[in-house]
Amino acid sequence: MEIIFEKDYLRELFYEGKTSDKKHRFQPQVVSRYIRVMNILDSVATVEDLFRYHSLHYEKLTGDKIGLESVRVNHQYRIEFKSSFKDNEKTITICNIIELSNHYKK
């Protein structure tokens, strides 16, 4: 499976553990968990294999994010990505790491 990054800061976080983009700075524990999740994404043969990792909460998104899929980094962040077939190879395009809103808390 091939992994493509839509944004440079996502690639830097994965390969270097930090980013030069000051807008996208994360706490060290979030970065280490991001790297761990990215390694899982890199190791699976198909996206459906992500269902085996219950802690990732793999899901296809709906509504205004239709066409995207996501896995959880932790309870606060998730990685949004697109999966596709290209030349008989599954490709994952990492789109974003976003903070989940606290709309469940009152």
PDB file of N, CA and C in Angstrom:
ATOM      1  N   MET A   1       0.848  -1.169   0.000  1.00  0.00           N
ATOM      2  CA  MET A   1       0.000   0.000   0.000  1.00  0.00           C
ATOM      3  C   MET A   1       0.899   1.239   0.000  1.00  0.00           C
ATOM      4  N   GLU A   2       0.556   2.178  -0.847  1.00  0.00           N
ATOM      5  CA  GLU A   2       1.324   3.415  -0.949  1.00  0.00           C
ATOM      6  C   GLU A   2       0.633   4.519  -0.152  1.00  0.00           C
ATOM      7  N   ILE A   3       1.427   5.326   0.543  1.00  0.00           N
ATOM      8  CA  ILE A   3       0.883   6.448   1.302  1.00  0.00           C
ATOM      9  C   ILE A   3       1.370   7.744   0.679  1.00  0.00           C
ATOM     10  N   ILE A   4       0.421   8.630   0.393  1.00  0.00           N
ATOM     11  CA  ILE A   4       0.700   9.949  -0.167  1.00  0.00           C
ATOM     12  C   ILE A   4       0.209  10.981   0.840  1.00  0.00           C
ATOM     13  N   PHE A   5       0.958  12.058   0.996  1.00  0.00           N
ATOM     14  CA  PHE A   5       0.567  13.117   1.924  1.00  0.00           C
ATOM     15  C   PHE A   5       0.117  14.325   1.124  1.00  0.00           C
ATOM     16  N   GLU A   6      -1.085  14.839   1.445  1.00  0.00           N
ATOM     17  CA  GLU A   6      -1.601  16.030   0.772  1.00  0.00           C
ATOM     18  C   GLU A   6      -0.863  17.283   1.195  1.00  0.00           C
ATOM     19  N   LYS A   7      -0.391  17.308   2.437  1.00  0.00           N
ATOM     20  CA  LYS A   7       0.257  18.502   2.977  1.00  0.00           C
ATOM     21  C   LYS A   7       1.627  18.145   3.532  1.00  0.00           C
ATOM     22  N   ASP A   8       2.571  19.055   3.359  1.00  0.00           N
ATOM     23  CA  ASP A   8       3.952  18.805   3.787  1.00  0.00           C
ATOM     24  C   ASP A   8       4.069  18.564   5.284  1.00  0.00           C
ATOM     25  N   TYR A   9       3.287  19.281   6.092  1.00  0.00           N
ATOM     26  CA  TYR A   9       3.433  19.130   7.543  1.00  0.00           C
ATOM     27  C   TYR A   9       3.077  17.719   7.992  1.00  0.00           C
ATOM     28  N   LEU A  10       2.157  17.050   7.277  1.00  0.00           N
ATOM     29  CA  LEU A  10       1.792  15.674   7.623  1.00  0.00           C
ATOM     30  C   LEU A  10       2.953  14.719   7.339  1.00  0.00           C
ATOM     31  N   ARG A  11       3.640  14.928   6.234  1.00  0.00           N
ATOM     32  CA  ARG A  11       4.814  14.126   5.886  1.00  0.00           C
ATOM     33  C   ARG A  11       5.931  14.362   6.903  1.00  0.00           C
ATOM     34  N   GLU A  12       6.173  15.629   7.251  1.00  0.00           N
ATOM     35  CA  GLU A  12       7.220  15.958   8.228  1.00  0.00           C
ATOM     36  C   GLU A  12       6.930  15.321   9.587  1.00  0.00           C
ATOM     37  N   LEU A  13       5.686  15.379  10.027  1.00  0.00           N
ATOM     38  CA  LEU A  13       5.330  14.768  11.308  1.00  0.00           C
ATOM     39  C   LEU A  13       5.638  13.279  11.311  1.00  0.00           C
ATOM     40  N   PHE A  14       5.352  12.611  10.216  1.00  0.00           N
ATOM     41  CA  PHE A  14       5.569  11.169  10.144  1.00  0.00           C
ATOM     42  C   PHE A  14       7.051  10.818  10.064  1.00  0.00           C
ATOM     43  N   TYR A  15       7.775  11.451   9.187  1.00  0.00           N
ATOM     44  CA  TYR A  15       9.166  11.076   8.957  1.00  0.00           C
ATOM     45  C   TYR A  15      10.155  11.736   9.915  1.00  0.00           C
ATOM     46  N   GLU A  16       9.845  12.930  10.397  1.00  0.00           N
ATOM     47  CA  GLU A  16      10.780  13.652  11.250  1.00  0.00           C
ATOM     48  C   GLU A  16      10.305  13.798  12.698  1.00  0.00           C
ATOM     49  N   GLY A  17       9.030  13.551  12.952  1.00  0.00           N
ATOM     50  CA  GLY A  17       8.506  13.674  14.306  1.00  0.00           C
ATOM     51  C   GLY A  17       8.226  15.099  14.727  1.00  0.00           C
ATOM     52  N   LYS A  18       8.376  16.033  13.808  1.00  0.00           N
ATOM     53  CA  LYS A  18       8.080  17.437  14.077  1.00  0.00           C
ATOM     54  C   LYS A  18       7.821  18.115  12.740  1.00  0.00           C
ATOM     55  N   THR A  19       7.318  19.334  12.805  1.00  0.00           N
ATOM     56  CA  THR A  19       7.030  20.073  11.588  1.00  0.00           C
ATOM     57  C   THR A  19       7.614  21.479  11.682  1.00  0.00           C
ATOM     58  N   SER A  20       8.025  22.001  10.557  1.00  0.00           N
ATOM     59  CA  SER A  20       8.550  23.366  10.525  1.00  0.00           C
ATOM     60  C   SER A  20       7.420  24.384  10.452  1.00  0.00           C
ATOM     61  N   ASP A  21       6.213  23.928  10.172  1.00  0.00           N
ATOM     62  CA  ASP A  21       5.035  24.784  10.074  1.00  0.00           C
ATOM     63  C   ASP A  21       4.527  25.105  11.480  1.00  0.00           C
ATOM     64  N   LYS A  22       4.677  26.340  11.909  1.00  0.00           N
ATOM     65  CA  LYS A  22       4.293  26.725  13.274  1.00  0.00           C
ATOM     66  C   LYS A  22       2.791  26.636  13.515  1.00  0.00           C
ATOM     67  N   LYS A  23       2.006  26.646  12.467  1.00  0.00           N
ATOM     68  CA  LYS A  23       0.551  26.553  12.603  1.00  0.00           C
ATOM     69  C   LYS A  23       0.114  25.147  13.004  1.00  0.00           C
ATOM     70  N   HIS A  24       0.918  24.160  12.683  1.00  0.00           N
ATOM     71  CA  HIS A  24       0.553  22.768  12.923  1.00  0.00           C
ATOM     72  C   HIS A  24       1.524  22.106  13.899  1.00  0.00           C
ATOM     73  N   ARG A  25       1.571  22.621  15.102  1.00  0.00           N
ATOM     74  CA  ARG A  25       2.393  22.042  16.154  1.00  0.00           C
ATOM     75  C   ARG A  25       1.490  21.206  17.056  1.00  0.00           C
ATOM     76  N   PHE A  26       1.988  20.060  17.463  1.00  0.00           N
ATOM     77  CA  PHE A  26       1.217  19.164  18.317  1.00  0.00           C
ATOM     78  C   PHE A  26       2.069  18.738  19.499  1.00  0.00           C
ATOM     79  N   GLN A  27       1.411  18.321  20.577  1.00  0.00           N
ATOM     80  CA  GLN A  27       2.112  17.843  21.752  1.00  0.00           C
ATOM     81  C   GLN A  27       2.856  16.556  21.410  1.00  0.00           C
ATOM     82  N   PRO A  28       3.987  16.292  22.084  1.00  0.00           N
ATOM     83  CA  PRO A  28       4.802  15.104  21.770  1.00  0.00           C
ATOM     84  C   PRO A  28       4.030  13.790  21.808  1.00  0.00           C
ATOM     85  N   GLN A  29       3.103  13.618  22.763  1.00  0.00           N
ATOM     86  CA  GLN A  29       2.349  12.371  22.832  1.00  0.00           C
ATOM     87  C   GLN A  29       1.400  12.214  21.649  1.00  0.00           C
ATOM     88  N   VAL A  30       0.898  13.321  21.111  1.00  0.00           N
ATOM     89  CA  VAL A  30       0.040  13.272  19.921  1.00  0.00           C
ATOM     90  C   VAL A  30       0.885  12.897  18.698  1.00  0.00           C
ATOM     91  N   VAL A  31       2.084  13.457  18.600  1.00  0.00           N
ATOM     92  CA  VAL A  31       2.974  13.150  17.482  1.00  0.00           C
ATOM     93  C   VAL A  31       3.381  11.681  17.515  1.00  0.00           C
ATOM     94  N   SER A  32       3.739  11.159  18.686  1.00  0.00           N
ATOM     95  CA  SER A  32       4.150   9.755  18.764  1.00  0.00           C
ATOM     96  C   SER A  32       2.992   8.820  18.434  1.00  0.00           C
ATOM     97  N   ARG A  33       1.804   9.165  18.860  1.00  0.00           N
ATOM     98  CA  ARG A  33       0.635   8.342  18.530  1.00  0.00           C
ATOM     99  C   ARG A  33       0.310   8.461  17.034  1.00  0.00           C
ATOM    100  N   TYR A  34       0.459   9.641  16.449  1.00  0.00           N
ATOM    101  CA  TYR A  34       0.276   9.842  15.011  1.00  0.00           C
ATOM    102  C   TYR A  34       1.223   8.935  14.230  1.00  0.00           C
ATOM    103  N   ILE A  35       2.485   8.907  14.635  1.00  0.00           N
ATOM    104  CA  ILE A  35       3.476   8.065  13.965  1.00  0.00           C
ATOM    105  C   ILE A  35       3.096   6.590  14.099  1.00  0.00           C
ATOM    106  N   ARG A  36       2.646   6.181  15.271  1.00  0.00           N
ATOM    107  CA  ARG A  36       2.234   4.793  15.486  1.00  0.00           C
ATOM    108  C   ARG A  36       1.059   4.428  14.577  1.00  0.00           C
ATOM    109  N   VAL A  37       0.064   5.304  14.480  1.00  0.00           N
ATOM    110  CA  VAL A  37      -1.101   5.050  13.622  1.00  0.00           C
ATOM    111  C   VAL A  37      -0.683   5.027  12.155  1.00  0.00           C
ATOM    112  N   MET A  38       0.200   5.929  11.762  1.00  0.00           N
ATOM    113  CA  MET A  38       0.677   5.946  10.383  1.00  0.00           C
ATOM    114  C   MET A  38       1.438   4.662  10.050  1.00  0.00           C
ATOM    115  N   ASN A  39       2.196   4.137  10.987  1.00  0.00           N
ATOM    116  CA  ASN A  39       2.889   2.866  10.761  1.00  0.00           C
ATOM    117  C   ASN A  39       1.899   1.727  10.576  1.00  0.00           C
ATOM    118  N   ILE A  40       0.797   1.765  11.305  1.00  0.00           N
ATOM    119  CA  ILE A  40      -0.253   0.756  11.118  1.00  0.00           C
ATOM    120  C   ILE A  40      -0.854   0.902   9.723  1.00  0.00           C
ATOM    121  N   LEU A  41      -1.174   2.138   9.321  1.00  0.00           N
ATOM    122  CA  LEU A  41      -1.718   2.367   7.981  1.00  0.00           C
ATOM    123  C   LEU A  41      -0.759   1.856   6.910  1.00  0.00           C
ATOM    124  N   ASP A  42       0.525   2.051   7.128  1.00  0.00           N
ATOM    125  CA  ASP A  42       1.531   1.617   6.168  1.00  0.00           C
ATOM    126  C   ASP A  42       1.658   0.096   6.124  1.00  0.00           C
ATOM    127  N   SER A  43       1.346  -0.583   7.221  1.00  0.00           N
ATOM    128  CA  SER A  43       1.569  -2.025   7.302  1.00  0.00           C
ATOM    129  C   SER A  43       0.396  -2.870   6.812  1.00  0.00           C
ATOM    130  N   VAL A  44      -0.816  -2.323   6.789  1.00  0.00           N
ATOM    131  CA  VAL A  44      -1.973  -3.137   6.391  1.00  0.00           C
ATOM    132  C   VAL A  44      -2.016  -3.308   4.884  1.00  0.00           C
ATOM    133  N   ALA A  45      -2.539  -4.458   4.467  1.00  0.00           N
ATOM    134  CA  ALA A  45      -2.639  -4.748   3.036  1.00  0.00           C
ATOM    135  C   ALA A  45      -3.823  -4.033   2.404  1.00  0.00           C
ATOM    136  N   THR A  46      -4.919  -3.951   3.138  1.00  0.00           N
ATOM    137  CA  THR A  46      -6.116  -3.261   2.644  1.00  0.00           C
ATOM    138  C   THR A  46      -6.666  -2.375   3.750  1.00  0.00           C
ATOM    139  N   VAL A  47      -7.438  -1.402   3.366  1.00  0.00           N
ATOM    140  CA  VAL A  47      -8.040  -0.490   4.344  1.00  0.00           C
ATOM    141  C   VAL A  47      -8.990  -1.257   5.265  1.00  0.00           C
ATOM    142  N   GLU A  48      -9.629  -2.284   4.750  1.00  0.00           N
ATOM    143  CA  GLU A  48     -10.555  -3.076   5.556  1.00  0.00           C
ATOM    144  C   GLU A  48      -9.850  -3.756   6.733  1.00  0.00           C
ATOM    145  N   ASP A  49      -8.542  -3.982   6.610  1.00  0.00           N
ATOM    146  CA  ASP A  49      -7.771  -4.569   7.713  1.00  0.00           C
ATOM    147  C   ASP A  49      -7.762  -3.665   8.939  1.00  0.00           C
ATOM    148  N   LEU A  50      -8.088  -2.398   8.765  1.00  0.00           N
ATOM    149  CA  LEU A  50      -8.110  -1.461   9.896  1.00  0.00           C
ATOM    150  C   LEU A  50      -9.212  -1.791  10.899  1.00  0.00           C
ATOM    151  N   PHE A  51     -10.225  -2.542  10.480  1.00  0.00           N
ATOM    152  CA  PHE A  51     -11.293  -2.934  11.405  1.00  0.00           C
ATOM    153  C   PHE A  51     -10.749  -3.808  12.537  1.00  0.00           C
ATOM    154  N   ARG A  52      -9.616  -4.482  12.310  1.00  0.00           N
ATOM    155  CA  ARG A  52      -9.014  -5.322  13.360  1.00  0.00           C
ATOM    156  C   ARG A  52      -8.487  -4.493  14.513  1.00  0.00           C
ATOM    157  N   TYR A  53      -8.164  -3.246  14.258  1.00  0.00           N
ATOM    158  CA  TYR A  53      -7.620  -2.349  15.283  1.00  0.00           C
ATOM    159  C   TYR A  53      -8.767  -1.514  15.846  1.00  0.00           C
ATOM    160  N   HIS A  54      -9.424  -2.036  16.846  1.00  0.00           N
ATOM    161  CA  HIS A  54     -10.605  -1.367  17.403  1.00  0.00           C
ATOM    162  C   HIS A  54     -10.305   0.018  17.954  1.00  0.00           C
ATOM    163  N   SER A  55      -9.108   0.225  18.485  1.00  0.00           N
ATOM    164  CA  SER A  55      -8.766   1.525  19.073  1.00  0.00           C
ATOM    165  C   SER A  55      -8.678   2.624  18.017  1.00  0.00           C
ATOM    166  N   LEU A  56      -8.538   2.260  16.741  1.00  0.00           N
ATOM    167  CA  LEU A  56      -8.460   3.269  15.686  1.00  0.00           C
ATOM    168  C   LEU A  56      -9.826   3.819  15.297  1.00  0.00           C
ATOM    169  N   HIS A  57     -10.899   3.100  15.622  1.00  0.00           N
ATOM    170  CA  HIS A  57     -12.255   3.542  15.287  1.00  0.00           C
ATOM    171  C   HIS A  57     -12.363   3.916  13.806  1.00  0.00           C
ATOM    172  N   TYR A  58     -11.889   3.027  12.933  1.00  0.00           N
ATOM    173  CA  TYR A  58     -11.949   3.282  11.485  1.00  0.00           C
ATOM    174  C   TYR A  58     -13.391   3.482  11.046  1.00  0.00           C
ATOM    175  N   GLU A  59     -13.608   4.525  10.241  1.00  0.00           N
ATOM    176  CA  GLU A  59     -14.949   4.776   9.714  1.00  0.00           C
ATOM    177  C   GLU A  59     -14.878   5.564   8.419  1.00  0.00           C
ATOM    178  N   LYS A  60     -15.896   5.369   7.582  1.00  0.00           N
ATOM    179  CA  LYS A  60     -16.078   6.200   6.399  1.00  0.00           C
ATOM    180  C   LYS A  60     -16.932   7.372   6.831  1.00  0.00           C
ATOM    181  N   LEU A  61     -16.498   8.569   6.503  1.00  0.00           N
ATOM    182  CA  LEU A  61     -17.194   9.766   6.955  1.00  0.00           C
ATOM    183  C   LEU A  61     -18.391  10.064   6.050  1.00  0.00           C
ATOM    184  N   THR A  62     -19.338  10.782   6.586  1.00  0.00           N
ATOM    185  CA  THR A  62     -20.556  11.119   5.853  1.00  0.00           C
ATOM    186  C   THR A  62     -20.772  12.628   5.899  1.00  0.00           C
ATOM    187  N   GLY A  63     -21.869  13.052   5.317  1.00  0.00           N
ATOM    188  CA  GLY A  63     -22.214  14.478   5.327  1.00  0.00           C
ATOM    189  C   GLY A  63     -21.301  15.273   4.432  1.00  0.00           C
ATOM    190  N   ASP A  64     -20.792  16.385   4.944  1.00  0.00           N
ATOM    191  CA  ASP A  64     -19.919  17.245   4.137  1.00  0.00           C
ATOM    192  C   ASP A  64     -18.519  16.645   3.953  1.00  0.00           C
ATOM    193  N   LYS A  65     -18.236  15.530   4.605  1.00  0.00           N
ATOM    194  CA  LYS A  65     -16.933  14.876   4.471  1.00  0.00           C
ATOM    195  C   LYS A  65     -17.048  13.536   3.749  1.00  0.00           C
ATOM    196  N   ILE A  66     -18.092  13.382   2.943  1.00  0.00           N
ATOM    197  CA  ILE A  66     -18.286  12.134   2.207  1.00  0.00           C
ATOM    198  C   ILE A  66     -17.103  11.913   1.262  1.00  0.00           C
ATOM    199  N   GLY A  67     -16.661  10.675   1.155  1.00  0.00           N
ATOM    200  CA  GLY A  67     -15.496  10.343   0.348  1.00  0.00           C
ATOM    201  C   GLY A  67     -14.228  10.238   1.178  1.00  0.00           C
ATOM    202  N   LEU A  68     -14.283  10.724   2.419  1.00  0.00           N
ATOM    203  CA  LEU A  68     -13.141  10.627   3.334  1.00  0.00           C
ATOM    204  C   LEU A  68     -13.356   9.479   4.308  1.00  0.00           C
ATOM    205  N   GLU A  69     -12.261   8.953   4.805  1.00  0.00           N
ATOM    206  CA  GLU A  69     -12.286   7.946   5.849  1.00  0.00           C
ATOM    207  C   GLU A  69     -11.445   8.474   7.000  1.00  0.00           C
ATOM    208  N   SER A  70     -11.599   7.880   8.167  1.00  0.00           N
ATOM    209  CA  SER A  70     -10.800   8.376   9.291  1.00  0.00           C
ATOM    210  C   SER A  70     -10.438   7.262  10.253  1.00  0.00           C
ATOM    211  N   VAL A  71      -9.349   7.506  10.957  1.00  0.00           N
ATOM    212  CA  VAL A  71      -8.933   6.684  12.086  1.00  0.00           C
ATOM    213  C   VAL A  71      -8.567   7.638  13.212  1.00  0.00           C
ATOM    214  N   ARG A  72      -8.719   7.169  14.435  1.00  0.00           N
ATOM    215  CA  ARG A  72      -8.408   8.013  15.583  1.00  0.00           C
ATOM    216  C   ARG A  72      -6.937   7.941  15.934  1.00  0.00           C
ATOM    217  N   VAL A  73      -6.368   9.087  16.238  1.00  0.00           N
ATOM    218  CA  VAL A  73      -5.020   9.149  16.785  1.00  0.00           C
ATOM    219  C   VAL A  73      -5.116   8.917  18.288  1.00  0.00           C
ATOM    220  N   ASN A  74      -6.034   9.620  18.910  1.00  0.00           N
ATOM    221  CA  ASN A  74      -6.374   9.439  20.323  1.00  0.00           C
ATOM    222  C   ASN A  74      -7.808   9.944  20.488  1.00  0.00           C
ATOM    223  N   HIS A  75      -8.245  10.167  21.706  1.00  0.00           N
ATOM    224  CA  HIS A  75      -9.627  10.620  21.904  1.00  0.00           C
ATOM    225  C   HIS A  75      -9.861  12.047  21.416  1.00  0.00           C
ATOM    226  N   GLN A  76      -8.793  12.776  21.140  1.00  0.00           N
ATOM    227  CA  GLN A  76      -8.912  14.184  20.761  1.00  0.00           C
ATOM    228  C   GLN A  76      -8.661  14.456  19.276  1.00  0.00           C
ATOM    229  N   TYR A  77      -7.881  13.607  18.596  1.00  0.00           N
ATOM    230  CA  TYR A  77      -7.504  13.851  17.200  1.00  0.00           C
ATOM    231  C   TYR A  77      -7.831  12.654  16.312  1.00  0.00           C
ATOM    232  N   ARG A  78      -8.078  12.950  15.036  1.00  0.00           N
ATOM    233  CA  ARG A  78      -8.243  11.888  14.055  1.00  0.00           C
ATOM    234  C   ARG A  78      -7.509  12.256  12.772  1.00  0.00           C
ATOM    235  N   ILE A  79      -7.156  11.227  12.021  1.00  0.00           N
ATOM    236  CA  ILE A  79      -6.523  11.393  10.717  1.00  0.00           C
ATOM    237  C   ILE A  79      -7.594  11.147   9.668  1.00  0.00           C
ATOM    238  N   GLU A  80      -7.749  12.093   8.755  1.00  0.00           N
ATOM    239  CA  GLU A  80      -8.682  11.931   7.645  1.00  0.00           C
ATOM    240  C   GLU A  80      -7.883  11.566   6.399  1.00  0.00           C
ATOM    241  N   PHE A  81      -8.387  10.602   5.634  1.00  0.00           N
ATOM    242  CA  PHE A  81      -7.674  10.156   4.443  1.00  0.00           C
ATOM    243  C   PHE A  81      -8.653   9.656   3.390  1.00  0.00           C
ATOM    244  N   LYS A  82      -8.132   9.506   2.172  1.00  0.00           N
ATOM    245  CA  LYS A  82      -8.877   8.928   1.053  1.00  0.00           C
ATOM    246  C   LYS A  82      -8.130   7.676   0.627  1.00  0.00           C
ATOM    247  N   SER A  83      -8.874   6.633   0.289  1.00  0.00           N
ATOM    248  CA  SER A  83      -8.223   5.436  -0.241  1.00  0.00           C
ATOM    249  C   SER A  83      -8.711   5.221  -1.666  1.00  0.00           C
ATOM    250  N   SER A  84      -7.808   4.708  -2.503  1.00  0.00           N
ATOM    251  CA  SER A  84      -8.156   4.471  -3.907  1.00  0.00           C
ATOM    252  C   SER A  84      -7.252   3.394  -4.475  1.00  0.00           C
ATOM    253  N   PHE A  85      -7.659   2.877  -5.630  1.00  0.00           N
ATOM    254  CA  PHE A  85      -6.825   1.927  -6.365  1.00  0.00           C
ATOM    255  C   PHE A  85      -6.118   2.673  -7.477  1.00  0.00           C
ATOM    256  N   LYS A  86      -4.824   2.433  -7.602  1.00  0.00           N
ATOM    257  CA  LYS A  86      -4.050   3.035  -8.680  1.00  0.00           C
ATOM    258  C   LYS A  86      -3.077   1.974  -9.175  1.00  0.00           C
ATOM    259  N   ASP A  87      -3.192   1.599 -10.430  1.00  0.00           N
ATOM    260  CA  ASP A  87      -2.321   0.573 -11.018  1.00  0.00           C
ATOM    261  C   ASP A  87      -2.333  -0.714 -10.188  1.00  0.00           C
ATOM    262  N   ASN A  88      -3.529  -1.166  -9.835  1.00  0.00           N
ATOM    263  CA  ASN A  88      -3.720  -2.389  -9.040  1.00  0.00           C
ATOM    264  C   ASN A  88      -3.090  -2.319  -7.658  1.00  0.00           C
ATOM    265  N   GLU A  89      -2.769  -1.126  -7.185  1.00  0.00           N
ATOM    266  CA  GLU A  89      -2.211  -0.948  -5.859  1.00  0.00           C
ATOM    267  C   GLU A  89      -3.100  -0.001  -5.070  1.00  0.00           C
ATOM    268  N   LYS A  90      -3.336  -0.344  -3.832  1.00  0.00           N
ATOM    269  CA  LYS A  90      -4.139   0.496  -2.953  1.00  0.00           C
ATOM    270  C   LYS A  90      -3.301   1.697  -2.526  1.00  0.00           C
ATOM    271  N   THR A  91      -3.872   2.880  -2.631  1.00  0.00           N
ATOM    272  CA  THR A  91      -3.197   4.113  -2.250  1.00  0.00           C
ATOM    273  C   THR A  91      -4.008   4.821  -1.179  1.00  0.00           C
ATOM    274  N   ILE A  92      -3.322   5.278  -0.157  1.00  0.00           N
ATOM    275  CA  ILE A  92      -3.956   6.092   0.884  1.00  0.00           C
ATOM    276  C   ILE A  92      -3.377   7.492   0.770  1.00  0.00           C
ATOM    277  N   THR A  93      -4.262   8.486   0.656  1.00  0.00           N
ATOM    278  CA  THR A  93      -3.848   9.882   0.629  1.00  0.00           C
ATOM    279  C   THR A  93      -4.236  10.507   1.963  1.00  0.00           C
ATOM    280  N   ILE A  94      -3.243  10.875   2.751  1.00  0.00           N
ATOM    281  CA  ILE A  94      -3.481  11.493   4.057  1.00  0.00           C
ATOM    282  C   ILE A  94      -3.852  12.945   3.817  1.00  0.00           C
ATOM    283  N   CYS A  95      -5.041  13.319   4.259  1.00  0.00           N
ATOM    284  CA  CYS A  95      -5.566  14.660   3.988  1.00  0.00           C
ATOM    285  C   CYS A  95      -5.355  15.622   5.145  1.00  0.00           C
ATOM    286  N   ASN A  96      -5.544  15.142   6.375  1.00  0.00           N
ATOM    287  CA  ASN A  96      -5.568  16.076   7.491  1.00  0.00           C
ATOM    288  C   ASN A  96      -5.452  15.330   8.806  1.00  0.00           C
ATOM    289  N   ILE A  97      -4.974  16.012   9.826  1.00  0.00           N
ATOM    290  CA  ILE A  97      -5.121  15.561  11.204  1.00  0.00           C
ATOM    291  C   ILE A  97      -5.897  16.674  11.891  1.00  0.00           C
ATOM    292  N   ILE A  98      -7.048  16.333  12.419  1.00  0.00           N
ATOM    293  CA  ILE A  98      -7.901  17.377  12.982  1.00  0.00           C
ATOM    294  C   ILE A  98      -8.261  17.066  14.426  1.00  0.00           C
ATOM    295  N   GLU A  99      -8.541  18.131  15.139  1.00  0.00           N
ATOM    296  CA  GLU A  99      -8.987  18.010  16.515  1.00  0.00           C
ATOM    297  C   GLU A  99     -10.492  17.777  16.494  1.00  0.00           C
ATOM    298  N   LEU A 100     -10.918  16.768  17.224  1.00  0.00           N
ATOM    299  CA  LEU A 100     -12.344  16.494  17.321  1.00  0.00           C
ATOM    300  C   LEU A 100     -12.989  17.520  18.238  1.00  0.00           C
ATOM    301  N   SER A 101     -14.163  17.939  17.879  1.00  0.00           N
ATOM    302  CA  SER A 101     -14.856  18.926  18.725  1.00  0.00           C
ATOM    303  C   SER A 101     -15.389  18.238  19.972  1.00  0.00           C
ATOM    304  N   ASN A 102     -15.594  18.999  20.968  1.00  0.00           N
ATOM    305  CA  ASN A 102     -16.119  18.472  22.220  1.00  0.00           C
ATOM    306  C   ASN A 102     -17.632  18.641  22.291  1.00  0.00           C
ATOM    307  N   HIS A 103     -18.318  18.391  21.180  1.00  0.00           N
ATOM    308  CA  HIS A 103     -19.766  18.603  21.158  1.00  0.00           C
ATOM    309  C   HIS A 103     -20.526  17.571  21.971  1.00  0.00           C
ATOM    310  N   TYR A 104     -19.850  16.507  22.443  1.00  0.00           N
ATOM    311  CA  TYR A 104     -20.523  15.532  23.296  1.00  0.00           C
ATOM    312  C   TYR A 104     -20.568  16.012  24.746  1.00  0.00           C
ATOM    313  N   LYS A 105     -19.675  16.912  25.099  1.00  0.00           N
ATOM    314  CA  LYS A 105     -19.630  17.405  26.482  1.00  0.00           C
ATOM    315  C   LYS A 105     -20.528  18.633  26.607  1.00  0.00           C
ATOM    316  N   LYS A 106     -21.155  18.750  27.737  1.00  0.00           N
ATOM    317  CA  LYS A 106     -22.016  19.907  27.968  1.00  0.00           C
ATOM    318  C   LYS A 106     -21.540  20.693  29.160  1.00  0.00           C
TER     319      LYS A 106
END
